[in-house]
Amino acid sequence: KAPVQTPDESVGAELSLCRRYHGMAE
């Protein structure tokens, strides 16, 4: 079937930013 959720460019940017802040916090 067609996916119920298809990612776009914004998702990757959001996740990359989260990963960056998490790394800084650690």
PDB file of all heavy atoms in Angstrom:
ATOM      1  N   LYS A   1       0.844  -1.192   0.000  1.00  0.00           N
ATOM      2  CA  LYS A   1       0.000   0.000   0.000  1.00  0.00           C
ATOM      3  C   LYS A   1       0.880   1.244   0.000  1.00  0.00           C
ATOM      4  O   LYS A   1       2.092   1.167   0.202  1.00  0.00           O
ATOM      5  CB  LYS A   1      -0.891   0.028   1.245  1.00  0.00           C
ATOM      6  CG  LYS A   1      -1.965  -1.027   1.303  1.00  0.00           C
ATOM      7  CD  LYS A   1      -2.826  -0.813   2.550  1.00  0.00           C
ATOM      8  CE  LYS A   1      -3.991  -1.786   2.602  1.00  0.00           C
ATOM      9  NZ  LYS A   1      -4.843  -1.544   3.806  1.00  0.00           N
ATOM     10  N   ALA A   2       0.248   2.382  -0.195  1.00  0.00           N
ATOM     11  CA  ALA A   2       0.966   3.645  -0.052  1.00  0.00           C
ATOM     12  C   ALA A   2       1.244   3.877   1.426  1.00  0.00           C
ATOM     13  O   ALA A   2       0.412   3.557   2.281  1.00  0.00           O
ATOM     14  CB  ALA A   2       0.133   4.796  -0.615  1.00  0.00           C
ATOM     15  N   PRO A   3       2.394   4.431   1.777  1.00  0.00           N
ATOM     16  CA  PRO A   3       2.715   4.669   3.187  1.00  0.00           C
ATOM     17  C   PRO A   3       1.739   5.646   3.829  1.00  0.00           C
ATOM     18  O   PRO A   3       1.280   6.600   3.196  1.00  0.00           O
ATOM     19  CB  PRO A   3       4.129   5.261   3.141  1.00  0.00           C
ATOM     20  CG  PRO A   3       4.674   4.876   1.810  1.00  0.00           C
ATOM     21  CD  PRO A   3       3.500   4.822   0.883  1.00  0.00           C
ATOM     22  N   VAL A   4       1.429   5.409   5.116  1.00  0.00           N
ATOM     23  CA  VAL A   4       0.576   6.346   5.847  1.00  0.00           C
ATOM     24  C   VAL A   4       1.369   7.581   6.255  1.00  0.00           C
ATOM     25  O   VAL A   4       0.798   8.594   6.650  1.00  0.00           O
ATOM     26  CB  VAL A   4      -0.030   5.683   7.104  1.00  0.00           C
ATOM     27  CG1 VAL A   4      -0.964   4.557   6.719  1.00  0.00           C
ATOM     28  CG2 VAL A   4       1.064   5.177   8.049  1.00  0.00           C
ATOM     29  N   GLN A   5       2.681   7.496   6.156  1.00  0.00           N
ATOM     30  CA  GLN A   5       3.539   8.633   6.489  1.00  0.00           C
ATOM     31  C   GLN A   5       4.748   8.606   5.557  1.00  0.00           C
ATOM     32  O   GLN A   5       5.511   7.652   5.537  1.00  0.00           O
ATOM     33  CB  GLN A   5       4.003   8.560   7.946  1.00  0.00           C
ATOM     34  CG  GLN A   5       4.872   9.721   8.387  1.00  0.00           C
ATOM     35  CD  GLN A   5       5.332   9.581   9.834  1.00  0.00           C
ATOM     36  OE1 GLN A   5       5.365   8.483  10.386  1.00  0.00           O
ATOM     37  NE2 GLN A   5       5.681  10.696  10.456  1.00  0.00           N
ATOM     38  N   THR A   6       4.888   9.661   4.771  1.00  0.00           N
ATOM     39  CA  THR A   6       6.025   9.775   3.857  1.00  0.00           C
ATOM     40  C   THR A   6       6.867  10.960   4.278  1.00  0.00           C
ATOM     41  O   THR A   6       6.360  12.082   4.365  1.00  0.00           O
ATOM     42  CB  THR A   6       5.550   9.964   2.406  1.00  0.00           C
ATOM     43  OG1 THR A   6       4.724   8.855   2.039  1.00  0.00           O
ATOM     44  CG2 THR A   6       6.739  10.028   1.464  1.00  0.00           C
ATOM     45  N   PRO A   7       8.147  10.750   4.551  1.00  0.00           N
ATOM     46  CA  PRO A   7       8.977  11.850   5.045  1.00  0.00           C
ATOM     47  C   PRO A   7       9.305  12.859   3.961  1.00  0.00           C
ATOM     48  O   PRO A   7       9.364  12.522   2.780  1.00  0.00           O
ATOM     49  CB  PRO A   7      10.244  11.140   5.532  1.00  0.00           C
ATOM     50  CG  PRO A   7      10.318   9.911   4.685  1.00  0.00           C
ATOM     51  CD  PRO A   7       8.898   9.488   4.452  1.00  0.00           C
ATOM     52  N   ASP A   8       9.510  14.095   4.384  1.00  0.00           N
ATOM     53  CA  ASP A   8       9.996  15.118   3.468  1.00  0.00           C
ATOM     54  C   ASP A   8      11.292  15.695   4.020  1.00  0.00           C
ATOM     55  O   ASP A   8      11.819  15.237   5.034  1.00  0.00           O
ATOM     56  CB  ASP A   8       8.946  16.218   3.252  1.00  0.00           C
ATOM     57  CG  ASP A   8       8.510  16.866   4.575  1.00  0.00           C
ATOM     58  OD1 ASP A   8       9.272  16.797   5.560  1.00  0.00           O
ATOM     59  OD2 ASP A   8       7.401  17.435   4.622  1.00  0.00           O
ATOM     60  N   GLU A   9      11.798  16.705   3.343  1.00  0.00           N
ATOM     61  CA  GLU A   9      13.098  17.273   3.709  1.00  0.00           C
ATOM     62  C   GLU A   9      13.101  17.831   5.127  1.00  0.00           C
ATOM     63  O   GLU A   9      14.122  17.794   5.819  1.00  0.00           O
ATOM     64  CB  GLU A   9      13.461  18.367   2.704  1.00  0.00           C
ATOM     65  CG  GLU A   9      14.872  18.893   2.844  1.00  0.00           C
ATOM     66  CD  GLU A   9      15.222  19.871   1.732  1.00  0.00           C
ATOM     67  OE1 GLU A   9      14.394  20.035   0.816  1.00  0.00           O
ATOM     68  OE2 GLU A   9      16.315  20.451   1.786  1.00  0.00           O
ATOM     69  N   SER A  10      11.951  18.340   5.582  1.00  0.00           N
ATOM     70  CA  SER A  10      11.894  18.969   6.902  1.00  0.00           C
ATOM     71  C   SER A  10      12.158  17.974   8.021  1.00  0.00           C
ATOM     72  O   SER A  10      12.741  18.328   9.050  1.00  0.00           O
ATOM     73  CB  SER A  10      10.538  19.643   7.113  1.00  0.00           C
ATOM     74  OG  SER A  10       9.495  18.673   7.141  1.00  0.00           O
ATOM     75  N   VAL A  11      11.726  16.720   7.847  1.00  0.00           N
ATOM     76  CA  VAL A  11      11.922  15.714   8.895  1.00  0.00           C
ATOM     77  C   VAL A  11      13.412  15.467   9.119  1.00  0.00           C
ATOM     78  O   VAL A  11      13.889  15.426  10.260  1.00  0.00           O
ATOM     79  CB  VAL A  11      11.210  14.397   8.544  1.00  0.00           C
ATOM     80  CG1 VAL A  11      11.490  13.347   9.608  1.00  0.00           C
ATOM     81  CG2 VAL A  11       9.718  14.619   8.413  1.00  0.00           C
ATOM     82  N   GLY A  12      14.160  15.313   8.038  1.00  0.00           N
ATOM     83  CA  GLY A  12      15.594  15.095   8.169  1.00  0.00           C
ATOM     84  C   GLY A  12      16.281  16.258   8.861  1.00  0.00           C
ATOM     85  O   GLY A  12      17.165  16.056   9.709  1.00  0.00           O
ATOM     86  N   ALA A  13      15.871  17.484   8.511  1.00  0.00           N
ATOM     87  CA  ALA A  13      16.463  18.670   9.141  1.00  0.00           C
ATOM     88  C   ALA A  13      16.146  18.708  10.629  1.00  0.00           C
ATOM     89  O   ALA A  13      17.009  19.021  11.457  1.00  0.00           O
ATOM     90  CB  ALA A  13      15.953  19.931   8.447  1.00  0.00           C
ATOM     91  N   GLU A  14      14.893  18.387  10.980  1.00  0.00           N
ATOM     92  CA  GLU A  14      14.493  18.373  12.392  1.00  0.00           C
ATOM     93  C   GLU A  14      15.285  17.337  13.174  1.00  0.00           C
ATOM     94  O   GLU A  14      15.789  17.614  14.272  1.00  0.00           O
ATOM     95  CB  GLU A  14      12.996  18.068  12.517  1.00  0.00           C
ATOM     96  CG  GLU A  14      12.080  19.169  12.037  1.00  0.00           C
ATOM     97  CD  GLU A  14      10.634  18.706  11.996  1.00  0.00           C
ATOM     98  OE1 GLU A  14      10.315  17.675  12.619  1.00  0.00           O
ATOM     99  OE2 GLU A  14       9.818  19.374  11.340  1.00  0.00           O
ATOM    100  N   LEU A  15      15.395  16.147  12.626  1.00  0.00           N
ATOM    101  CA  LEU A  15      16.101  15.075  13.327  1.00  0.00           C
ATOM    102  C   LEU A  15      17.593  15.386  13.449  1.00  0.00           C
ATOM    103  O   LEU A  15      18.209  15.104  14.485  1.00  0.00           O
ATOM    104  CB  LEU A  15      15.887  13.745  12.604  1.00  0.00           C
ATOM    105  CG  LEU A  15      14.462  13.195  12.631  1.00  0.00           C
ATOM    106  CD1 LEU A  15      14.352  11.939  11.769  1.00  0.00           C
ATOM    107  CD2 LEU A  15      14.021  12.883  14.066  1.00  0.00           C
ATOM    108  N   SER A  16      18.174  15.967  12.416  1.00  0.00           N
ATOM    109  CA  SER A  16      19.590  16.333  12.474  1.00  0.00           C
ATOM    110  C   SER A  16      19.832  17.369  13.567  1.00  0.00           C
ATOM    111  O   SER A  16      20.829  17.299  14.301  1.00  0.00           O
ATOM    112  CB  SER A  16      20.060  16.882  11.126  1.00  0.00           C
ATOM    113  OG  SER A  16      20.000  15.883  10.123  1.00  0.00           O
ATOM    114  N   LEU A  17      18.915  18.333  13.676  1.00  0.00           N
ATOM    115  CA  LEU A  17      19.049  19.361  14.703  1.00  0.00           C
ATOM    116  C   LEU A  17      18.910  18.755  16.095  1.00  0.00           C
ATOM    117  O   LEU A  17      19.679  19.085  17.008  1.00  0.00           O
ATOM    118  CB  LEU A  17      18.001  20.459  14.490  1.00  0.00           C
ATOM    119  CG  LEU A  17      18.164  21.727  15.324  1.00  0.00           C
ATOM    120  CD1 LEU A  17      19.488  22.414  14.999  1.00  0.00           C
ATOM    121  CD2 LEU A  17      16.999  22.681  15.078  1.00  0.00           C
ATOM    122  N   CYS A  18      17.940  17.853  16.257  1.00  0.00           N
ATOM    123  CA  CYS A  18      17.778  17.161  17.546  1.00  0.00           C
ATOM    124  C   CYS A  18      19.047  16.400  17.906  1.00  0.00           C
ATOM    125  O   CYS A  18      19.529  16.480  19.043  1.00  0.00           O
ATOM    126  CB  CYS A  18      16.608  16.179  17.481  1.00  0.00           C
ATOM    127  SG  CYS A  18      14.974  16.931  17.589  1.00  0.00           S
ATOM    128  N   ARG A  19      19.579  15.668  16.942  1.00  0.00           N
ATOM    129  CA  ARG A  19      20.785  14.876  17.193  1.00  0.00           C
ATOM    130  C   ARG A  19      21.943  15.775  17.602  1.00  0.00           C
ATOM    131  O   ARG A  19      22.727  15.432  18.502  1.00  0.00           O
ATOM    132  CB  ARG A  19      21.149  14.078  15.942  1.00  0.00           C
ATOM    133  CG  ARG A  19      22.324  13.138  16.125  1.00  0.00           C
ATOM    134  CD  ARG A  19      22.483  12.206  14.932  1.00  0.00           C
ATOM    135  NE  ARG A  19      22.787  12.935  13.702  1.00  0.00           N
ATOM    136  CZ  ARG A  19      22.989  12.350  12.518  1.00  0.00           C
ATOM    137  NH1 ARG A  19      22.885  11.042  12.415  1.00  0.00           N
ATOM    138  NH2 ARG A  19      23.277  13.062  11.452  1.00  0.00           N
ATOM    139  N   ARG A  20      22.038  16.935  16.968  1.00  0.00           N
ATOM    140  CA  ARG A  20      23.116  17.869  17.302  1.00  0.00           C
ATOM    141  C   ARG A  20      22.990  18.357  18.742  1.00  0.00           C
ATOM    142  O   ARG A  20      23.962  18.365  19.503  1.00  0.00           O
ATOM    143  CB  ARG A  20      23.072  19.055  16.339  1.00  0.00           C
ATOM    144  CG  ARG A  20      24.114  20.115  16.635  1.00  0.00           C
ATOM    145  CD  ARG A  20      24.033  21.265  15.648  1.00  0.00           C
ATOM    146  NE  ARG A  20      24.870  22.366  16.088  1.00  0.00           N
ATOM    147  CZ  ARG A  20      24.501  23.634  16.080  1.00  0.00           C
ATOM    148  NH1 ARG A  20      23.302  23.963  15.668  1.00  0.00           N
ATOM    149  NH2 ARG A  20      25.315  24.583  16.475  1.00  0.00           N
ATOM    150  N   TYR A  21      21.789  18.765  19.135  1.00  0.00           N
ATOM    151  CA  TYR A  21      21.598  19.264  20.494  1.00  0.00           C
ATOM    152  C   TYR A  21      21.784  18.165  21.537  1.00  0.00           C
ATOM    153  O   TYR A  21      22.316  18.416  22.630  1.00  0.00           O
ATOM    154  CB  TYR A  21      20.220  19.917  20.636  1.00  0.00           C
ATOM    155  CG  TYR A  21      20.176  21.324  20.095  1.00  0.00           C
ATOM    156  CD1 TYR A  21      19.386  21.655  18.998  1.00  0.00           C
ATOM    157  CD2 TYR A  21      20.945  22.334  20.667  1.00  0.00           C
ATOM    158  CE1 TYR A  21      19.357  22.948  18.493  1.00  0.00           C
ATOM    159  CE2 TYR A  21      20.920  23.628  20.168  1.00  0.00           C
ATOM    160  CZ  TYR A  21      20.124  23.932  19.085  1.00  0.00           C
ATOM    161  OH  TYR A  21      20.104  25.207  18.587  1.00  0.00           O
ATOM    162  N   HIS A  22      21.364  16.962  21.207  1.00  0.00           N
ATOM    163  CA  HIS A  22      21.567  15.847  22.131  1.00  0.00           C
ATOM    164  C   HIS A  22      23.053  15.569  22.321  1.00  0.00           C
ATOM    165  O   HIS A  22      23.510  15.306  23.443  1.00  0.00           O
ATOM    166  CB  HIS A  22      20.860  14.595  21.618  1.00  0.00           C
ATOM    167  CG  HIS A  22      19.376  14.682  21.695  1.00  0.00           C
ATOM    168  ND1 HIS A  22      18.558  13.584  21.553  1.00  0.00           N
ATOM    169  CD2 HIS A  22      18.541  15.731  21.895  1.00  0.00           C
ATOM    170  CE1 HIS A  22      17.292  13.952  21.658  1.00  0.00           C
ATOM    171  NE2 HIS A  22      17.266  15.258  21.854  1.00  0.00           N
ATOM    172  N   GLY A  23      23.813  15.620  21.229  1.00  0.00           N
ATOM    173  CA  GLY A  23      25.250  15.417  21.328  1.00  0.00           C
ATOM    174  C   GLY A  23      25.918  16.491  22.164  1.00  0.00           C
ATOM    175  O   GLY A  23      26.812  16.201  22.975  1.00  0.00           O
ATOM    176  N   MET A  24      25.490  17.739  21.980  1.00  0.00           N
ATOM    177  CA  MET A  24      26.035  18.835  22.780  1.00  0.00           C
ATOM    178  C   MET A  24      25.718  18.631  24.254  1.00  0.00           C
ATOM    179  O   MET A  24      26.577  18.850  25.124  1.00  0.00           O
ATOM    180  CB  MET A  24      25.466  20.170  22.284  1.00  0.00           C
ATOM    181  CG  MET A  24      25.969  20.599  20.919  1.00  0.00           C
ATOM    182  SD  MET A  24      25.021  21.980  20.202  1.00  0.00           S
ATOM    183  CE  MET A  24      25.168  23.219  21.489  1.00  0.00           C
ATOM    184  N   ALA A  25      24.492  18.207  24.540  1.00  0.00           N
ATOM    185  CA  ALA A  25      24.098  17.993  25.935  1.00  0.00           C
ATOM    186  C   ALA A  25      24.935  16.897  26.576  1.00  0.00           C
ATOM    187  O   ALA A  25      25.391  17.036  27.721  1.00  0.00           O
ATOM    188  CB  ALA A  25      22.613  17.650  26.006  1.00  0.00           C
ATOM    189  N   GLU A  26      25.143  15.808  25.857  1.00  0.00           N
ATOM    190  CA  GLU A  26      25.943  14.713  26.405  1.00  0.00           C
ATOM    191  C   GLU A  26      27.371  15.177  26.697  1.00  0.00           C
ATOM    192  O   GLU A  26      27.937  14.867  27.753  1.00  0.00           O
ATOM    193  CB  GLU A  26      25.971  13.539  25.423  1.00  0.00           C
ATOM    194  CG  GLU A  26      26.742  12.342  25.937  1.00  0.00           C
ATOM    195  CD  GLU A  26      26.765  11.185  24.966  1.00  0.00           C
ATOM    196  OE1 GLU A  26      26.243  11.334  23.840  1.00  0.00           O
ATOM    197  OE2 GLU A  26      27.318  10.140  25.330  1.00  0.00           O
TER     198      GLU A  26
END
